[in-house]
Amino acid sequence: MPGIGIDENTAIIVEGAKFKVIGSGAVYLVDGGDVPHSNIAEAAADQALSI
């Protein structure tokens, strides 16, 4: 399942199968389909996700 991370002061405008980034930050696309390990099961709300 893909994931999207969007920085503060940033947005995406979705247009069909494409999107445009607006604002002052960045957008990160993550495809975790082939990830062999992550700490998502052990991570606390204030802890970084490790993939």
N, C-alpha and C. Protein backbone atom coordinates (compact mmCIF):
# COMPACT_ATOMS: atom_id res chain seq x y z
N MET A 1 0.84 -1.17 0.00
CA MET A 1 0.00 0.00 0.00
C MET A 1 0.89 1.24 0.00
N PRO A 2 0.66 2.17 -0.92
CA PRO A 2 1.47 3.38 -0.96
C PRO A 2 1.10 4.35 0.16
N GLY A 3 2.06 5.19 0.49
CA GLY A 3 1.83 6.22 1.49
C GLY A 3 2.31 7.56 0.96
N ILE A 4 1.74 8.63 1.47
CA ILE A 4 2.11 9.98 1.07
C ILE A 4 2.40 10.79 2.33
N GLY A 5 3.57 11.42 2.37
CA GLY A 5 3.92 12.33 3.45
C GLY A 5 3.97 13.74 2.90
N ILE A 6 3.30 14.67 3.60
CA ILE A 6 3.22 16.04 3.12
C ILE A 6 3.73 16.97 4.21
N ASP A 7 4.73 17.79 3.90
CA ASP A 7 5.29 18.75 4.85
C ASP A 7 4.27 19.83 5.22
N GLU A 8 4.57 20.55 6.32
CA GLU A 8 3.76 21.70 6.69
C GLU A 8 3.81 22.74 5.58
N ASN A 9 2.78 23.55 5.50
CA ASN A 9 2.68 24.61 4.50
C ASN A 9 2.78 24.08 3.07
N THR A 10 2.32 22.85 2.87
CA THR A 10 2.40 22.19 1.57
C THR A 10 1.10 21.44 1.33
N ALA A 11 0.73 21.28 0.07
CA ALA A 11 -0.48 20.55 -0.30
C ALA A 11 -0.26 19.89 -1.64
N ILE A 12 -1.15 18.95 -1.96
CA ILE A 12 -1.16 18.37 -3.30
C ILE A 12 -2.54 18.62 -3.92
N ILE A 13 -2.53 18.86 -5.20
CA ILE A 13 -3.76 18.99 -5.97
C ILE A 13 -3.82 17.77 -6.88
N VAL A 14 -4.81 16.91 -6.65
CA VAL A 14 -4.93 15.67 -7.41
C VAL A 14 -5.75 15.93 -8.66
N GLU A 15 -5.18 15.53 -9.81
CA GLU A 15 -5.83 15.68 -11.11
C GLU A 15 -5.75 14.35 -11.83
N GLY A 16 -6.76 13.52 -11.67
CA GLY A 16 -6.76 12.19 -12.28
C GLY A 16 -5.69 11.31 -11.64
N ALA A 17 -4.76 10.80 -12.44
CA ALA A 17 -3.68 9.94 -11.94
C ALA A 17 -2.43 10.73 -11.60
N LYS A 18 -2.48 12.07 -11.67
CA LYS A 18 -1.33 12.92 -11.39
C LYS A 18 -1.66 13.87 -10.25
N PHE A 19 -0.62 14.43 -9.63
CA PHE A 19 -0.85 15.49 -8.67
C PHE A 19 0.23 16.54 -8.78
N LYS A 20 -0.13 17.75 -8.36
CA LYS A 20 0.79 18.89 -8.38
C LYS A 20 1.05 19.30 -6.94
N VAL A 21 2.31 19.58 -6.61
CA VAL A 21 2.70 20.02 -5.27
C VAL A 21 2.71 21.53 -5.23
N ILE A 22 2.05 22.11 -4.21
CA ILE A 22 2.08 23.55 -4.02
C ILE A 22 2.47 23.84 -2.57
N GLY A 23 3.09 24.99 -2.35
CA GLY A 23 3.50 25.37 -1.01
C GLY A 23 5.01 25.42 -0.88
N SER A 24 5.48 25.51 0.36
CA SER A 24 6.91 25.71 0.59
C SER A 24 7.67 24.46 0.99
N GLY A 25 6.99 23.34 1.14
CA GLY A 25 7.66 22.11 1.59
C GLY A 25 7.77 21.07 0.50
N ALA A 26 7.83 19.82 0.92
CA ALA A 26 8.00 18.70 -0.01
C ALA A 26 6.93 17.64 0.23
N VAL A 27 6.79 16.75 -0.75
CA VAL A 27 5.89 15.61 -0.66
C VAL A 27 6.72 14.36 -0.89
N TYR A 28 6.47 13.34 -0.07
CA TYR A 28 7.23 12.09 -0.14
C TYR A 28 6.27 10.95 -0.45
N LEU A 29 6.60 10.17 -1.47
CA LEU A 29 5.81 8.99 -1.83
C LEU A 29 6.56 7.75 -1.38
N VAL A 30 5.85 6.84 -0.72
CA VAL A 30 6.47 5.63 -0.21
C VAL A 30 5.66 4.43 -0.67
N ASP A 31 6.35 3.46 -1.26
CA ASP A 31 5.72 2.19 -1.62
C ASP A 31 6.35 1.12 -0.74
N GLY A 32 5.64 0.69 0.27
CA GLY A 32 6.17 -0.28 1.22
C GLY A 32 5.91 -1.72 0.85
N GLY A 33 5.54 -1.99 -0.38
CA GLY A 33 5.20 -3.34 -0.80
C GLY A 33 6.31 -4.36 -0.63
N ASP A 34 7.56 -3.96 -0.79
CA ASP A 34 8.68 -4.90 -0.70
C ASP A 34 9.53 -4.68 0.55
N VAL A 35 9.02 -3.95 1.53
CA VAL A 35 9.78 -3.67 2.75
C VAL A 35 9.77 -4.91 3.64
N PRO A 36 10.97 -5.44 3.99
CA PRO A 36 11.00 -6.65 4.81
C PRO A 36 10.77 -6.41 6.30
N HIS A 37 10.99 -5.18 6.80
CA HIS A 37 10.82 -4.91 8.22
C HIS A 37 10.55 -3.44 8.48
N SER A 38 9.73 -3.17 9.48
CA SER A 38 9.52 -1.81 9.97
C SER A 38 9.24 -1.90 11.47
N ASN A 39 9.27 -0.76 12.15
CA ASN A 39 8.97 -0.75 13.58
C ASN A 39 7.55 -0.28 13.86
N ILE A 40 6.67 -0.34 12.89
CA ILE A 40 5.33 0.21 13.06
C ILE A 40 4.55 -0.49 14.17
N ALA A 41 4.79 -1.78 14.39
CA ALA A 41 4.08 -2.50 15.45
C ALA A 41 4.56 -2.08 16.83
N GLU A 42 5.82 -1.64 16.95
CA GLU A 42 6.38 -1.27 18.24
C GLU A 42 6.42 0.24 18.48
N ALA A 43 6.22 1.03 17.46
CA ALA A 43 6.43 2.49 17.55
C ALA A 43 5.36 3.15 18.42
N ALA A 44 5.79 4.10 19.23
CA ALA A 44 4.88 4.93 20.01
C ALA A 44 4.49 6.16 19.19
N ALA A 45 3.50 6.88 19.64
CA ALA A 45 3.00 8.04 18.88
C ALA A 45 4.06 9.11 18.69
N ASP A 46 5.00 9.23 19.63
CA ASP A 46 6.04 10.26 19.53
C ASP A 46 7.37 9.72 19.01
N GLN A 47 7.37 8.52 18.44
CA GLN A 47 8.60 7.88 17.96
C GLN A 47 8.58 7.85 16.43
N ALA A 48 9.75 8.02 15.83
CA ALA A 48 9.86 8.00 14.37
C ALA A 48 9.59 6.60 13.82
N LEU A 49 8.98 6.54 12.65
CA LEU A 49 8.77 5.28 11.97
C LEU A 49 10.04 4.90 11.23
N SER A 50 10.49 3.67 11.39
CA SER A 50 11.70 3.19 10.74
C SER A 50 11.34 2.09 9.76
N ILE A 51 11.74 2.30 8.49
CA ILE A 51 11.45 1.30 7.45
C ILE A 51 12.77 0.84 6.88
